[in-house]
Amino acid sequence: MERSDVVEIAIAVGSVGVFVGALAVVGSMYGTDNSIAADGALPLVGALVLFVVVMALAGLYLAGQDS
């Protein structure tokens, strides 16, 4: 396995790990019995938007590394 493959895997796994951690934090702070309270909607959407932005930036970074 080449070094670039390892870097790509590490970035992807790290980004997903941060996203899952953010969801866990939001769930523990705003969770009720079986759902998320209304106050937790904005942090949940924020975590999703942050994940999309981080993945887009990681993609741009990795695309720049190939050239």
N, C-alpha and C. Protein backbone atom coordinates (compact mmCIF):
# COMPACT_ATOMS: atom_id res chain seq x y z
N MET A 1 0.85 -1.18 0.00
CA MET A 1 0.00 0.00 0.00
C MET A 1 0.90 1.23 0.00
N GLU A 2 0.58 2.16 -0.88
CA GLU A 2 1.39 3.37 -1.00
C GLU A 2 1.05 4.37 0.11
N ARG A 3 1.98 5.27 0.33
CA ARG A 3 1.80 6.28 1.37
C ARG A 3 0.57 7.14 1.11
N SER A 4 0.32 7.50 -0.15
CA SER A 4 -0.83 8.34 -0.47
C SER A 4 -2.15 7.64 -0.15
N ASP A 5 -2.20 6.33 -0.33
CA ASP A 5 -3.40 5.57 0.02
C ASP A 5 -3.64 5.61 1.52
N VAL A 6 -2.57 5.47 2.28
CA VAL A 6 -2.69 5.51 3.74
C VAL A 6 -3.17 6.88 4.20
N VAL A 7 -2.66 7.95 3.58
CA VAL A 7 -3.08 9.31 3.94
C VAL A 7 -4.56 9.50 3.63
N GLU A 8 -5.02 9.03 2.47
CA GLU A 8 -6.43 9.15 2.11
C GLU A 8 -7.32 8.41 3.09
N ILE A 9 -6.92 7.21 3.45
CA ILE A 9 -7.70 6.41 4.40
C ILE A 9 -7.73 7.09 5.76
N ALA A 10 -6.60 7.60 6.20
CA ALA A 10 -6.54 8.26 7.51
C ALA A 10 -7.41 9.50 7.56
N ILE A 11 -7.40 10.28 6.49
CA ILE A 11 -8.23 11.49 6.45
C ILE A 11 -9.71 11.12 6.46
N ALA A 12 -10.08 10.11 5.68
CA ALA A 12 -11.49 9.70 5.63
C ALA A 12 -11.96 9.15 6.97
N VAL A 13 -11.17 8.27 7.55
CA VAL A 13 -11.56 7.66 8.83
C VAL A 13 -11.57 8.71 9.94
N GLY A 14 -10.60 9.61 9.93
CA GLY A 14 -10.57 10.67 10.94
C GLY A 14 -11.76 11.60 10.83
N SER A 15 -12.13 11.96 9.61
CA SER A 15 -13.28 12.85 9.41
C SER A 15 -14.58 12.20 9.86
N VAL A 16 -14.75 10.93 9.51
CA VAL A 16 -15.95 10.21 9.94
C VAL A 16 -15.96 10.06 11.46
N GLY A 17 -14.81 9.81 12.05
CA GLY A 17 -14.73 9.69 13.50
C GLY A 17 -15.13 10.98 14.20
N VAL A 18 -14.68 12.11 13.66
CA VAL A 18 -15.06 13.40 14.24
C VAL A 18 -16.56 13.62 14.10
N PHE A 19 -17.12 13.25 12.95
CA PHE A 19 -18.56 13.40 12.73
C PHE A 19 -19.36 12.54 13.71
N VAL A 20 -18.97 11.29 13.87
CA VAL A 20 -19.67 10.42 14.81
C VAL A 20 -19.53 10.93 16.23
N GLY A 21 -18.35 11.45 16.57
CA GLY A 21 -18.17 12.04 17.89
C GLY A 21 -19.05 13.25 18.11
N ALA A 22 -19.17 14.09 17.08
CA ALA A 22 -20.05 15.27 17.19
C ALA A 22 -21.49 14.84 17.37
N LEU A 23 -21.92 13.81 16.64
CA LEU A 23 -23.28 13.31 16.81
C LEU A 23 -23.49 12.74 18.22
N ALA A 24 -22.49 12.08 18.75
CA ALA A 24 -22.60 11.54 20.11
C ALA A 24 -22.72 12.65 21.13
N VAL A 25 -21.95 13.72 20.94
CA VAL A 25 -22.02 14.86 21.87
C VAL A 25 -23.39 15.52 21.79
N VAL A 26 -23.87 15.76 20.58
CA VAL A 26 -25.19 16.37 20.43
C VAL A 26 -26.27 15.47 21.02
N GLY A 27 -26.17 14.18 20.76
CA GLY A 27 -27.15 13.26 21.31
C GLY A 27 -27.15 13.20 22.82
N SER A 28 -25.97 13.26 23.41
CA SER A 28 -25.91 13.20 24.87
C SER A 28 -26.34 14.50 25.52
N MET A 29 -26.14 15.61 24.83
CA MET A 29 -26.52 16.89 25.41
C MET A 29 -28.01 17.19 25.21
N TYR A 30 -28.57 16.78 24.08
CA TYR A 30 -29.94 17.16 23.75
C TYR A 30 -30.88 15.98 23.63
N GLY A 31 -30.40 14.79 23.91
CA GLY A 31 -31.23 13.60 23.75
C GLY A 31 -32.27 13.47 24.84
N THR A 32 -33.43 12.98 24.43
CA THR A 32 -34.47 12.61 25.39
C THR A 32 -34.57 11.09 25.36
N ASP A 33 -35.69 10.53 25.73
CA ASP A 33 -35.80 9.07 25.81
C ASP A 33 -35.50 8.39 24.48
N ASN A 34 -36.18 8.77 23.42
CA ASN A 34 -35.98 8.09 22.13
C ASN A 34 -35.77 9.07 20.98
N SER A 35 -35.49 10.32 21.28
CA SER A 35 -35.34 11.29 20.20
C SER A 35 -34.44 12.43 20.67
N ILE A 36 -34.22 13.37 19.77
CA ILE A 36 -33.45 14.58 20.08
C ILE A 36 -34.46 15.70 20.35
N ALA A 37 -34.22 16.45 21.39
CA ALA A 37 -35.10 17.57 21.73
C ALA A 37 -35.02 18.63 20.64
N ALA A 38 -36.02 19.49 20.57
CA ALA A 38 -36.07 20.54 19.55
C ALA A 38 -34.85 21.46 19.63
N ASP A 39 -34.34 21.68 20.82
CA ASP A 39 -33.16 22.53 20.99
C ASP A 39 -31.92 21.92 20.35
N GLY A 40 -31.93 20.63 20.11
CA GLY A 40 -30.77 19.96 19.54
C GLY A 40 -30.77 19.93 18.02
N ALA A 41 -31.82 20.45 17.41
CA ALA A 41 -31.89 20.40 15.94
C ALA A 41 -30.79 21.23 15.29
N LEU A 42 -30.58 22.41 15.77
CA LEU A 42 -29.56 23.28 15.18
C LEU A 42 -28.15 22.71 15.35
N PRO A 43 -27.76 22.24 16.53
CA PRO A 43 -26.44 21.62 16.65
C PRO A 43 -26.30 20.36 15.78
N LEU A 44 -27.39 19.61 15.61
CA LEU A 44 -27.34 18.43 14.76
C LEU A 44 -27.11 18.81 13.31
N VAL A 45 -27.83 19.82 12.83
CA VAL A 45 -27.62 20.30 11.47
C VAL A 45 -26.23 20.91 11.33
N GLY A 46 -25.77 21.61 12.35
CA GLY A 46 -24.42 22.17 12.32
C GLY A 46 -23.36 21.09 12.20
N ALA A 47 -23.53 19.98 12.90
CA ALA A 47 -22.57 18.88 12.81
C ALA A 47 -22.59 18.28 11.40
N LEU A 48 -23.75 18.18 10.81
CA LEU A 48 -23.85 17.65 9.45
C LEU A 48 -23.20 18.58 8.44
N VAL A 49 -23.45 19.87 8.57
CA VAL A 49 -22.85 20.84 7.66
C VAL A 49 -21.33 20.86 7.84
N LEU A 50 -20.87 20.80 9.06
CA LEU A 50 -19.43 20.77 9.32
C LEU A 50 -18.79 19.54 8.68
N PHE A 51 -19.47 18.40 8.76
CA PHE A 51 -18.95 17.18 8.15
C PHE A 51 -18.84 17.35 6.63
N VAL A 52 -19.85 17.91 6.01
CA VAL A 52 -19.83 18.10 4.56
C VAL A 52 -18.69 19.05 4.17
N VAL A 53 -18.51 20.13 4.92
CA VAL A 53 -17.44 21.09 4.62
C VAL A 53 -16.07 20.44 4.81
N VAL A 54 -15.90 19.69 5.88
CA VAL A 54 -14.61 19.04 6.13
C VAL A 54 -14.30 18.02 5.03
N MET A 55 -15.29 17.26 4.61
CA MET A 55 -15.06 16.28 3.56
C MET A 55 -14.75 16.96 2.23
N ALA A 56 -15.40 18.09 1.95
CA ALA A 56 -15.10 18.83 0.72
C ALA A 56 -13.68 19.37 0.75
N LEU A 57 -13.27 19.94 1.88
CA LEU A 57 -11.90 20.44 2.00
C LEU A 57 -10.88 19.31 1.91
N ALA A 58 -11.20 18.18 2.52
CA ALA A 58 -10.29 17.04 2.42
C ALA A 58 -10.17 16.57 0.98
N GLY A 59 -11.27 16.56 0.25
CA GLY A 59 -11.23 16.19 -1.16
C GLY A 59 -10.40 17.13 -1.99
N LEU A 60 -10.54 18.43 -1.73
CA LEU A 60 -9.72 19.41 -2.44
C LEU A 60 -8.24 19.23 -2.11
N TYR A 61 -7.95 18.99 -0.86
CA TYR A 61 -6.56 18.77 -0.45
C TYR A 61 -5.98 17.54 -1.15
N LEU A 62 -6.74 16.45 -1.12
CA LEU A 62 -6.24 15.23 -1.72
C LEU A 62 -6.13 15.34 -3.23
N ALA A 63 -7.03 16.08 -3.87
CA ALA A 63 -6.95 16.28 -5.32
C ALA A 63 -5.70 17.08 -5.68
N GLY A 64 -5.34 18.02 -4.84
CA GLY A 64 -4.13 18.80 -5.06
C GLY A 64 -2.87 18.01 -4.87
N GLN A 65 -2.93 16.97 -4.05
CA GLN A 65 -1.75 16.14 -3.80
C GLN A 65 -1.42 15.24 -4.98
N ASP A 66 -2.41 14.90 -5.79
CA ASP A 66 -2.18 14.00 -6.93
C ASP A 66 -1.42 14.68 -8.06
N SER A 67 -1.55 16.00 -8.16
CA SER A 67 -0.91 16.69 -9.30
C SER A 67 0.52 17.07 -9.04
